[in-house]
Protein backbone atom coordinates (compact mmCIF):
# COMPACT_ATOMS: atom_id res chain seq x y z
CA UNK A 1 0.00 0.00 0.00
CA UNK A 2 1.44 3.33 -1.01
CA UNK A 3 1.14 6.66 0.72
CA UNK A 4 1.46 8.46 -2.63
CA UNK A 5 -1.55 9.53 -4.66
CA UNK A 6 -0.71 10.58 -8.19
CA UNK A 7 2.94 11.20 -7.28
CA UNK A 8 2.11 13.40 -4.28
CA UNK A 9 2.41 12.60 -0.60
CA UNK A 10 -0.70 12.68 1.55
CA UNK A 11 -0.41 16.03 3.35
CA UNK A 12 -2.99 15.02 5.98
CA UNK A 13 -0.42 12.69 7.55
CA UNK A 14 1.93 15.65 7.92
CA UNK A 15 -0.73 18.02 9.24
CA UNK A 16 -2.24 15.55 11.70
CA UNK A 17 1.19 14.31 12.79
CA UNK A 18 2.32 17.81 13.69
CA UNK A 19 -0.97 18.65 15.42
CA UNK A 20 -1.02 15.44 17.49
CA UNK A 21 2.64 15.86 18.43
CA UNK A 22 2.22 19.48 19.53
CA UNK A 23 -1.03 18.79 21.39
CA UNK A 24 0.43 15.74 23.13
CA UNK A 25 3.55 17.64 24.15
CA UNK A 26 1.42 20.48 25.51
CA UNK A 27 -0.76 18.06 27.47
CA UNK A 28 2.29 16.27 28.86
CA UNK A 29 3.93 19.56 29.86
CA UNK A 30 0.69 20.71 31.48
CA UNK A 31 0.38 17.39 33.26
CA UNK A 32 3.95 17.50 34.58
CA UNK A 33 3.63 21.07 35.90
CA UNK A 34 0.25 20.57 37.59
CA UNK A 35 0.04 20.12 41.35
CA UNK A 36 -2.70 17.50 41.27
CA UNK A 37 -2.43 14.92 38.49
CA UNK A 38 -3.86 11.60 37.42
CA UNK A 39 -2.26 8.78 35.44
CA UNK A 40 -4.89 8.76 32.71
CA UNK A 41 -3.89 12.27 31.57
CA UNK A 42 -0.26 11.25 31.19
CA UNK A 43 -1.16 8.08 29.30
CA UNK A 44 -3.44 10.07 26.99
CA UNK A 45 -0.73 12.67 26.33
CA UNK A 46 1.85 9.99 25.53
CA UNK A 47 -0.70 8.35 23.21
CA UNK A 48 -1.12 11.61 21.28
CA UNK A 49 2.66 11.95 20.98
CA UNK A 50 3.07 8.37 19.73
CA UNK A 51 0.26 8.75 17.21
CA UNK A 52 1.77 12.04 15.98
CA UNK A 53 5.16 10.38 15.49
CA UNK A 54 3.47 7.50 13.65
CA UNK A 55 1.66 9.91 11.30
CA UNK A 56 4.91 11.74 10.58
CA UNK A 57 6.60 8.39 9.93
CA UNK A 58 3.86 7.49 7.43
CA UNK A 59 4.39 10.82 5.67
CA UNK A 60 8.18 10.64 5.44
CA UNK A 61 8.71 6.91 4.81
CA UNK A 62 10.23 5.91 1.50
CA UNK A 63 8.07 4.09 -0.98
């Protein structure tokens, strides 16, 4: 399965990857600086970061 359509890369992988990575990093930073925290927030933030990295990997991988 190729991530190229008509010779172009799917830009949604790039856009969503950057958005998920930035949002996850913000959530993790906010979670680490908060006085009262829960584990679910940290797990959710790490999940956003991992999914953002995966989307960026899908955009930049070689065909």
